C-alpha atoms as a PDB file:
ATOM      1  CA  MET A   1       5.056 -10.157  11.590  1.00  0.00           C
ATOM      2  CA  LYS A   2       7.626  -7.485  12.379  1.00  0.00           C
ATOM      3  CA  ILE A   3      10.889  -6.718  10.597  1.00  0.00           C
ATOM      4  CA  ILE A   4      13.572  -4.048  10.927  1.00  0.00           C
ATOM      5  CA  THR A   5      15.181  -2.727   7.749  1.00  0.00           C
ATOM      6  CA  ASN A   6      18.327  -0.615   7.688  1.00  0.00           C
ATOM      7  CA  SER A   7      18.036   0.980   4.245  1.00  0.00           C
ATOM      8  CA  ALA A   8      15.592   1.740   1.458  1.00  0.00           C
ATOM      9  CA  SER A   9      17.019  -1.174  -0.542  1.00  0.00           C
ATOM     10  CA  GLU A  10      16.359  -3.583   2.363  1.00  0.00           C
ATOM     11  CA  THR A  11      12.779  -2.311   2.557  1.00  0.00           C
ATOM     12  CA  LYS A  12      12.344  -2.833  -1.203  1.00  0.00           C
ATOM     13  CA  ASN A  13      13.895  -6.314  -1.052  1.00  0.00           C
ATOM     14  CA  PHE A  14      11.594  -7.345   1.781  1.00  0.00           C
ATOM     15  CA  ALA A  15       8.553  -6.036  -0.132  1.00  0.00           C
ATOM     16  CA  PHE A  16       9.759  -7.803  -3.301  1.00  0.00           C
ATOM     17  CA  CYS A  17       9.652 -11.118  -1.417  1.00  0.00           C
ATOM     18  CA  PHE A  18       6.341 -10.263   0.266  1.00  0.00           C
ATOM     19  CA  ALA A  19       4.756  -9.676  -3.177  1.00  0.00           C
ATOM     20  CA  SER A  20       4.864 -13.420  -3.887  1.00  0.00           C
ATOM     21  CA  LYS A  21       2.333 -13.973  -1.089  1.00  0.00           C
ATOM     22  CA  LEU A  22      -0.276 -11.663  -2.633  1.00  0.00           C
ATOM     23  CA  LYS A  23      -3.211 -12.550  -4.861  1.00  0.00           C
ATOM     24  CA  LYS A  24      -6.002 -10.826  -6.767  1.00  0.00           C
ATOM     25  CA  GLY A  25      -8.337  -8.920  -4.482  1.00  0.00           C
ATOM     26  CA  ASP A  26      -5.800  -8.351  -1.705  1.00  0.00           C
ATOM     27  CA  ILE A  27      -5.904  -4.899  -0.128  1.00  0.00           C
ATOM     28  CA  LEU A  28      -2.860  -3.499   1.677  1.00  0.00           C
ATOM     29  CA  CYS A  29      -3.570  -0.541   3.946  1.00  0.00           C
ATOM     30  CA  PHE A  30      -0.433   1.458   4.808  1.00  0.00           C
ATOM     31  CA  PHE A  31      -0.015   3.580   7.925  1.00  0.00           C
ATOM     32  CA  GLY A  32       3.014   5.700   8.757  1.00  0.00           C
ATOM     33  CA  ASP A  33       4.335   9.238   8.952  1.00  0.00           C
ATOM     34  CA  LEU A  34       5.272  11.314   5.925  1.00  0.00           C
ATOM     35  CA  GLY A  35       8.524   9.954   4.504  1.00  0.00           C
ATOM     36  CA  SER A  36       8.411   6.755   6.556  1.00  0.00           C
ATOM     37  CA  GLY A  37       8.854   4.473   3.558  1.00  0.00           C
ATOM     38  CA  LYS A  38       5.356   3.574   2.377  1.00  0.00           C
ATOM     39  CA  THR A  39       6.123   4.350  -1.267  1.00  0.00           C
ATOM     40  CA  THR A  40       9.507   2.636  -0.974  1.00  0.00           C
ATOM     41  CA  PHE A  41       7.750  -0.534   0.182  1.00  0.00           C
ATOM     42  CA  ILE A  42       5.280  -0.268  -2.711  1.00  0.00           C
ATOM     43  CA  GLN A  43       8.188   0.106  -5.152  1.00  0.00           C
ATOM     44  CA  GLY A  44       9.489  -3.248  -3.920  1.00  0.00           C
ATOM     45  CA  LEU A  45       6.054  -4.835  -4.326  1.00  0.00           C
ATOM     46  CA  ALA A  46       5.860  -3.529  -7.888  1.00  0.00           C
ATOM     47  CA  LYS A  47       9.211  -5.110  -8.682  1.00  0.00           C
ATOM     48  CA  GLY A  48       7.840  -8.376  -7.341  1.00  0.00           C
ATOM     49  CA  PHE A  49       4.904  -8.043  -9.734  1.00  0.00           C
ATOM     50  CA  LYS A  50       7.395  -7.453 -12.583  1.00  0.00           C
ATOM     51  CA  ILE A  51       6.179  -3.889 -13.107  1.00  0.00           C
ATOM     52  CA  ARG A  52       8.791  -1.849 -14.952  1.00  0.00           C
ATOM     53  CA  ASP A  53       7.203   1.590 -14.552  1.00  0.00           C
ATOM     54  CA  ASP A  54       8.615   4.122 -12.106  1.00  0.00           C
ATOM     55  CA  ILE A  55       6.481   3.930  -8.984  1.00  0.00           C
ATOM     56  CA  THR A  56       5.749   7.300  -7.424  1.00  0.00           C
ATOM     57  CA  SER A  57       3.090   8.460  -5.003  1.00  0.00           C
ATOM     58  CA  PRO A  58       0.000   9.554  -6.917  1.00  0.00           C
ATOM     59  CA  THR A  59      -0.410  12.460  -4.484  1.00  0.00           C
ATOM     60  CA  PHE A  60      -2.095  14.799  -6.958  1.00  0.00           C
ATOM     61  CA  VAL A  61      -4.219  12.244  -8.834  1.00  0.00           C
ATOM     62  CA  PHE A  62      -5.005   9.902  -5.884  1.00  0.00           C
ATOM     63  CA  LEU A  63      -4.590   6.719  -7.982  1.00  0.00           C
ATOM     64  CA  ASN A  64      -2.051   5.161 -10.327  1.00  0.00           C
ATOM     65  CA  ILE A  65      -2.698   1.872 -12.092  1.00  0.00           C
ATOM     66  CA  TYR A  66       0.248  -0.312 -13.034  1.00  0.00           C
ATOM     67  CA  LYS A  67       0.040  -3.417 -15.221  1.00  0.00           C
ATOM     68  CA  GLY A  68       1.729  -6.345 -13.532  1.00  0.00           C
ATOM     69  CA  CYS A  69       2.764  -9.705 -14.890  1.00  0.00           C
ATOM     70  CA  HIS A  70      -0.290 -11.529 -13.524  1.00  0.00           C
ATOM     71  CA  PHE A  71      -2.585  -8.726 -12.361  1.00  0.00           C
ATOM     72  CA  PRO A  72      -2.640  -4.932 -11.948  1.00  0.00           C
ATOM     73  CA  LEU A  73      -1.458  -2.915  -8.960  1.00  0.00           C
ATOM     74  CA  TYR A  74      -3.824  -0.140  -7.867  1.00  0.00           C
ATOM     75  CA  HIS A  75      -1.821   2.472  -5.953  1.00  0.00           C
ATOM     76  CA  PHE A  76      -3.895   4.950  -3.937  1.00  0.00           C
ATOM     77  CA  ASP A  77      -2.389   7.914  -2.086  1.00  0.00           C
ATOM     78  CA  LEU A  78      -4.951   9.635   0.129  1.00  0.00           C
ATOM     79  CA  TYR A  79      -2.614  12.258   1.616  1.00  0.00           C
ATOM     80  CA  ARG A  80      -4.511  15.208   0.120  1.00  0.00           C
ATOM     81  CA  VAL A  81      -8.007  13.776   0.633  1.00  0.00           C
ATOM     82  CA  LYS A  82     -10.105  15.991   2.872  1.00  0.00           C
ATOM     83  CA  ASN A  83     -13.081  13.684   3.440  1.00  0.00           C
ATOM     84  CA  THR A  84     -14.486  10.286   2.529  1.00  0.00           C
ATOM     85  CA  ASP A  85     -16.777  11.811  -0.131  1.00  0.00           C
ATOM     86  CA  GLU A  86     -13.670  12.467  -2.245  1.00  0.00           C
ATOM     87  CA  ILE A  87     -12.716   8.804  -1.908  1.00  0.00           C
ATOM     88  CA  ARG A  88     -16.222   7.678  -2.853  1.00  0.00           C
ATOM     89  CA  GLY A  89     -15.929   9.889  -5.946  1.00  0.00           C
ATOM     90  CA  LEU A  90     -12.932   7.842  -7.097  1.00  0.00           C
ATOM     91  CA  GLY A  91     -15.080   4.730  -7.449  1.00  0.00           C
ATOM     92  CA  TYR A  92     -12.638   2.970  -5.134  1.00  0.00           C
ATOM     93  CA  GLU A  93     -14.823  -0.158  -4.810  1.00  0.00           C
ATOM     94  CA  GLU A  94     -14.189  -1.264  -8.393  1.00  0.00           C
ATOM     95  CA  PHE A  95     -10.465  -1.325  -7.595  1.00  0.00           C
ATOM     96  CA  PHE A  96     -10.613  -2.712  -4.040  1.00  0.00           C
ATOM     97  CA  TYR A  97     -12.789  -5.584  -5.144  1.00  0.00           C
ATOM     98  CA  GLY A  98     -11.465  -5.889  -8.677  1.00  0.00           C
ATOM     99  CA  GLU A  99      -8.900  -7.901 -10.573  1.00  0.00           C
ATOM    100  CA  GLY A 100      -5.720  -6.627  -8.947  1.00  0.00           C
ATOM    101  CA  VAL A 101      -3.991  -5.825  -5.681  1.00  0.00           C
ATOM    102  CA  SER A 102      -4.829  -2.481  -4.051  1.00  0.00           C
ATOM    103  CA  VAL A 103      -2.283  -0.578  -1.979  1.00  0.00           C
ATOM    104  CA  VAL A 104      -3.453   2.460  -0.021  1.00  0.00           C
ATOM    105  CA  GLU A 105      -1.145   5.070   1.486  1.00  0.00           C
ATOM    106  CA  TRP A 106      -2.662   7.157   4.309  1.00  0.00           C
ATOM    107  CA  SER A 107      -5.313   4.492   4.961  1.00  0.00           C
ATOM    108  CA  GLU A 108      -6.476   6.213   8.137  1.00  0.00           C
ATOM    109  CA  LYS A 109      -8.339   8.614   5.826  1.00  0.00           C
ATOM    110  CA  LEU A 110     -10.583   5.768   4.658  1.00  0.00           C
ATOM    111  CA  LYS A 111     -12.383   5.831   8.029  1.00  0.00           C
ATOM    112  CA  GLU A 112     -15.718   4.018   7.550  1.00  0.00           C
ATOM    113  CA  LEU A 113     -14.655   2.985   4.009  1.00  0.00           C
ATOM    114  CA  LEU A 114     -11.877   0.766   5.370  1.00  0.00           C
ATOM    115  CA  PRO A 115     -12.482  -2.640   3.767  1.00  0.00           C
ATOM    116  CA  LYS A 116     -13.885  -5.524   5.801  1.00  0.00           C
ATOM    117  CA  LYS A 117     -10.713  -7.565   5.280  1.00  0.00           C
ATOM    118  CA  TYR A 118      -7.263  -6.137   4.589  1.00  0.00           C
ATOM    119  CA  THR A 119      -3.583  -6.416   5.377  1.00  0.00           C
ATOM    120  CA  GLU A 120      -2.367  -3.664   7.673  1.00  0.00           C
ATOM    121  CA  ILE A 121       1.196  -2.432   7.106  1.00  0.00           C
ATOM    122  CA  ARG A 122       2.623   0.038   9.620  1.00  0.00           C
ATOM    123  CA  ILE A 123       6.002   1.633   9.005  1.00  0.00           C
ATOM    124  CA  LYS A 124       7.847   3.532  11.765  1.00  0.00           C
ATOM    125  CA  PHE A 125      11.042   5.589  11.728  1.00  0.00           C
ATOM    126  CA  LEU A 126      13.696   4.093  13.998  1.00  0.00           C
ATOM    127  CA  GLY A 127      16.546   6.256  12.753  1.00  0.00           C
ATOM    128  CA  ARG A 128      17.905   7.855   9.618  1.00  0.00           C
ATOM    129  CA  ASP A 129      17.537   4.779   7.376  1.00  0.00           C
ATOM    130  CA  LYS A 130      16.161   2.299   9.891  1.00  0.00           C
ATOM    131  CA  ARG A 131      12.482   1.295   9.771  1.00  0.00           C
ATOM    132  CA  GLU A 132      10.217  -1.060  11.671  1.00  0.00           C
ATOM    133  CA  ILE A 133       7.676  -2.689   9.397  1.00  0.00           C
ATOM    134  CA  SER A 134       4.718  -4.419  11.072  1.00  0.00           C
ATOM    135  CA  ILE A 135       2.398  -6.539   8.971  1.00  0.00           C
ATOM    136  CA  ASN A 136      -0.926  -7.863  10.203  1.00  0.00           C
ATOM    137  CA  THR A 137      -2.440 -10.076   7.512  1.00  0.00           C
ATOM    138  CA  GLU A 138      -5.520 -11.038   9.501  1.00  0.00           C
ATOM    139  CA  ARG A 139      -6.880  -7.518  10.001  1.00  0.00           C
ATOM    140  CA  LYS A 140     -10.662  -7.275   9.859  1.00  0.00           C
ATOM    141  CA  ASN A 141     -12.718  -4.107  10.068  1.00  0.00           C
ATOM    142  CA  THR A 142     -15.450  -4.571  12.650  1.00  0.00           C
ATOM    143  CA  ASP A 143     -17.171  -1.205  12.083  1.00  0.00           C
END
C-alpha cells in the first residue's frame, strides 16, 4: 500500500485510521530519513489507540511505553544506538513479543534482530510537507 500525504495532519489522520487494523503482538518497523515523519505517524497511531499522552521520540531513553485503550504502545527510537548489543540490553524481546504493539524508529539498526514477521513502513520526503508512505504488511525476515 502506498499513500501520499500533503501535511502532518494528513499523515496523523492516515495513521489514526491504520491503527484500527493493528492487534497485540504487531511490530511496525519504520524506515526514513531524519525528520521524514516517523514520529508524526506514530502520534496518529497513538490517537487511534486513545492514548492521551504527548508522543515524542524517546531518542535519549530508547523506549517509551504508553497505555492504550486496549493494549500498550511500545515506542522504540534507535537513532542513537551504536550496535545491536545496546538493543539486546533493552530486553526488546519482552516488548516485541508482549502484550502490545511495538513501533520502531530507525529499524535498520536492528540488523539481525529484525523480527521474523513485521510491518514495514517507509516514509519519504516528496516536498516541504508532502510525504510518500509505503506500507508492506507481509514483510518477513528471511535472515
